[in-house]
Amino acid sequence: IKSGSTLKVRVGDKEIDVMSGFKVYITTKLANPVYTPEISARTSIIDFTVTMKGLEEQLLGRVILTEKSELESERIKLIEDVTGNKAKMKQLEDNLLYKLTS
């Protein structure tokens, strides 16, 4: 909250003066927390949830990088190619639908 030339943070029913570089980090154990639109607009919400598949891919990447780095670089290139091809396919599908409706 900006009050005149000072910045303040409301904690409960009290307002506390803070410096301009002040940051607050809040964590929760809730799987899907719900925040008001005002809080969501003023904050950066980061989801640190790790899935088992995502963790497996990260660990596999580390092992391959250590054992055979050329395989890991090839895997990364293939993932980039697949992502690029998916984007191109989406663009082609959109173009085809546009032409069919015109």
Foldseek 3Di string as FASTA:
>chain_A
DDDPPFDWDDDPNDTDTDDPPDDDDDDDPDPDDDDDPVVPVVDDDDDPDDDPVNVVVVVVLVVCCVVPVVVSVVVVVVVVVVVVVVVVVVVVVVVVVVVVVD
